[in-house]
C-alpha atoms as a PDB file:
ATOM      1  CA  MET A   1       0.000   0.000   0.000  1.00  0.00           C
ATOM      2  CA  LEU A   2       1.295   3.447  -0.895  1.00  0.00           C
ATOM      3  CA  ALA A   3       1.581   6.051   1.826  1.00  0.00           C
ATOM      4  CA  ALA A   4      -0.569   9.133   1.400  1.00  0.00           C
ATOM      5  CA  MET A   5       1.418  11.911  -0.230  1.00  0.00           C
ATOM      6  CA  THR A   6       1.465  15.217   1.596  1.00  0.00           C
ATOM      7  CA  THR A   7       2.515  18.575   0.252  1.00  0.00           C
ATOM      8  CA  ARG A   8       5.576  19.937   1.972  1.00  0.00           C
ATOM      9  CA  ARG A   9       5.296  23.459   3.340  1.00  0.00           C
ATOM     10  CA  THR A  10       7.735  25.963   1.841  1.00  0.00           C
ATOM     11  CA  ARG A  11       9.085  29.397   2.755  1.00  0.00           C
ATOM     12  CA  ALA A  12       6.895  30.773  -0.035  1.00  0.00           C
ATOM     13  CA  ASP A  13       3.907  29.469   1.963  1.00  0.00           C
ATOM     14  CA  ASP A  14       5.196  31.389   4.993  1.00  0.00           C
ATOM     15  CA  VAL A  15       5.439  34.565   2.899  1.00  0.00           C
ATOM     16  CA  MET A  16       1.906  34.030   1.578  1.00  0.00           C
ATOM     17  CA  ASP A  17       0.590  33.546   5.117  1.00  0.00           C
ATOM     18  CA  ALA A  18       2.354  36.737   6.273  1.00  0.00           C
ATOM     19  CA  ILE A  19       0.863  38.684   3.351  1.00  0.00           C
ATOM     20  CA  CYS A  20      -2.646  37.390   4.038  1.00  0.00           C
ATOM     21  CA  MET A  21      -2.483  38.042   7.787  1.00  0.00           C
ATOM     22  CA  TYR A  22      -1.208  41.585   7.217  1.00  0.00           C
ATOM     23  CA  ALA A  23      -3.963  42.276   4.666  1.00  0.00           C
ATOM     24  CA  LEU A  24      -6.577  40.869   7.034  1.00  0.00           C
ATOM     25  CA  GLU A  25      -5.404  43.170   9.817  1.00  0.00           C
ATOM     26  CA  ASN A  26      -4.992  46.239   7.550  1.00  0.00           C
ATOM     27  CA  ALA A  27      -8.218  46.494   5.537  1.00  0.00           C
ATOM     28  CA  GLY A  28      -6.883  44.632   2.494  1.00  0.00           C
ATOM     29  CA  ILE A  29      -3.618  46.555   2.167  1.00  0.00           C
ATOM     30  CA  THR A  30      -0.727  44.236   1.325  1.00  0.00           C
ATOM     31  CA  PRO A  31       2.653  44.617   3.049  1.00  0.00           C
ATOM     32  CA  SER A  32       5.885  45.647   1.379  1.00  0.00           C
ATOM     33  CA  SER A  33       8.648  43.101   0.973  1.00  0.00           C
ATOM     34  CA  VAL A  34      10.555  44.977   3.707  1.00  0.00           C
ATOM     35  CA  GLU A  35       7.666  44.461   6.136  1.00  0.00           C
ATOM     36  CA  VAL A  36       7.387  40.759   5.254  1.00  0.00           C
ATOM     37  CA  ALA A  37      11.151  40.338   5.610  1.00  0.00           C
ATOM     38  CA  GLY A  38      11.067  41.923   9.065  1.00  0.00           C
ATOM     39  CA  GLN A  39       8.152  39.799  10.188  1.00  0.00           C
ATOM     40  CA  LEU A  40       9.722  36.518   9.017  1.00  0.00           C
ATOM     41  CA  ASP A  41      13.330  37.456   9.857  1.00  0.00           C
ATOM     42  CA  LEU A  42      14.440  36.978   6.242  1.00  0.00           C
ATOM     43  CA  SER A  43      16.420  39.235   3.930  1.00  0.00           C
ATOM     44  CA  GLN A  44      14.472  41.505   1.603  1.00  0.00           C
ATOM     45  CA  GLN A  45      16.236  39.826  -1.332  1.00  0.00           C
ATOM     46  CA  ARG A  46      14.973  36.403  -0.208  1.00  0.00           C
ATOM     47  CA  VAL A  47      11.414  37.723   0.224  1.00  0.00           C
ATOM     48  CA  ASN A  48      11.541  39.311  -3.253  1.00  0.00           C
ATOM     49  CA  TYR A  49      12.589  35.933  -4.698  1.00  0.00           C
ATOM     50  CA  LEU A  50       9.800  34.129  -2.830  1.00  0.00           C
ATOM     51  CA  MET A  51       7.260  36.710  -3.995  1.00  0.00           C
ATOM     52  CA  MET A  52       8.448  36.146  -7.568  1.00  0.00           C
ATOM     53  CA  ARG A  53       7.769  32.426  -7.045  1.00  0.00           C
ATOM     54  CA  LEU A  54       4.301  33.208  -5.682  1.00  0.00           C
ATOM     55  CA  ALA A  55       3.608  35.293  -8.800  1.00  0.00           C
ATOM     56  CA  LEU A  56       4.792  32.475 -11.090  1.00  0.00           C
ATOM     57  CA  GLU A  57       2.500  30.087  -9.202  1.00  0.00           C
ATOM     58  CA  GLY A  58      -0.399  32.530  -9.726  1.00  0.00           C
ATOM     59  CA  ARG A  59      -0.895  33.173  -6.011  1.00  0.00           C
ATOM     60  CA  ILE A  60      -0.136  36.893  -6.209  1.00  0.00           C
ATOM     61  CA  GLU A  61      -0.426  39.275  -9.143  1.00  0.00           C
ATOM     62  CA  TRP A  62       1.770  42.307  -9.756  1.00  0.00           C
ATOM     63  CA  VAL A  63      -0.263  45.432 -10.467  1.00  0.00           C
ATOM     64  CA  SER A  64       2.777  47.702 -10.909  1.00  0.00           C
ATOM     65  CA  LYS A  65       6.490  47.562 -10.098  1.00  0.00           C
ATOM     66  CA  GLN A  66       5.856  48.029  -6.360  1.00  0.00           C
ATOM     67  CA  LYS A  67       2.193  46.996  -5.940  1.00  0.00           C
ATOM     68  CA  TYR A  68       0.669  43.538  -5.949  1.00  0.00           C
ATOM     69  CA  LYS A  69      -2.533  41.834  -4.921  1.00  0.00           C
ATOM     70  CA  VAL A  70      -3.457  38.383  -3.739  1.00  0.00           C
ATOM     71  CA  THR A  71      -5.066  36.518  -6.632  1.00  0.00           C
ATOM     72  CA  ASP A  72      -8.769  35.734  -6.280  1.00  0.00           C
ATOM     73  CA  SER A  73      -9.201  37.753  -3.086  1.00  0.00           C
ATOM     74  CA  THR A  74     -11.416  40.672  -2.195  1.00  0.00           C
ATOM     75  CA  TRP A  75     -11.622  42.970   0.754  1.00  0.00           C
ATOM     76  CA  GLU A  76     -15.022  43.711   2.191  1.00  0.00           C
ATOM     77  CA  PRO A  77     -15.627  46.896   4.185  1.00  0.00           C
ATOM     78  CA  PRO A  78     -16.770  46.417   7.759  1.00  0.00           C
ATOM     79  CA  PRO A  79     -20.497  46.418   8.573  1.00  0.00           C
ATOM     80  CA  GLY A  80     -21.915  49.921   8.834  1.00  0.00           C
ATOM     81  CA  PHE A  81     -19.344  51.498   6.505  1.00  0.00           C
ATOM     82  CA  GLU A  82     -20.913  53.488   3.688  1.00  0.00           C
ATOM     83  CA  ILE A  83     -19.231  55.093   0.734  1.00  0.00           C
END
């Protein structure tokens, strides 16, 4: 019998989790690579590489040179907020 295959967690997953938690706590605003690097105790260069991997995997999408968004996500305003 074959053992069940599990997906191994990567540092890119950690970066994605940090991005999502930050956005959840900051009304949908995504963190800079500097902020992610500080939170995960990684170099900014390493975070930039991992974010490039996330983009190639289709998990984030670059909107401009400095701005990105999490693919297939939306931010909803809190109850009672009117535009």
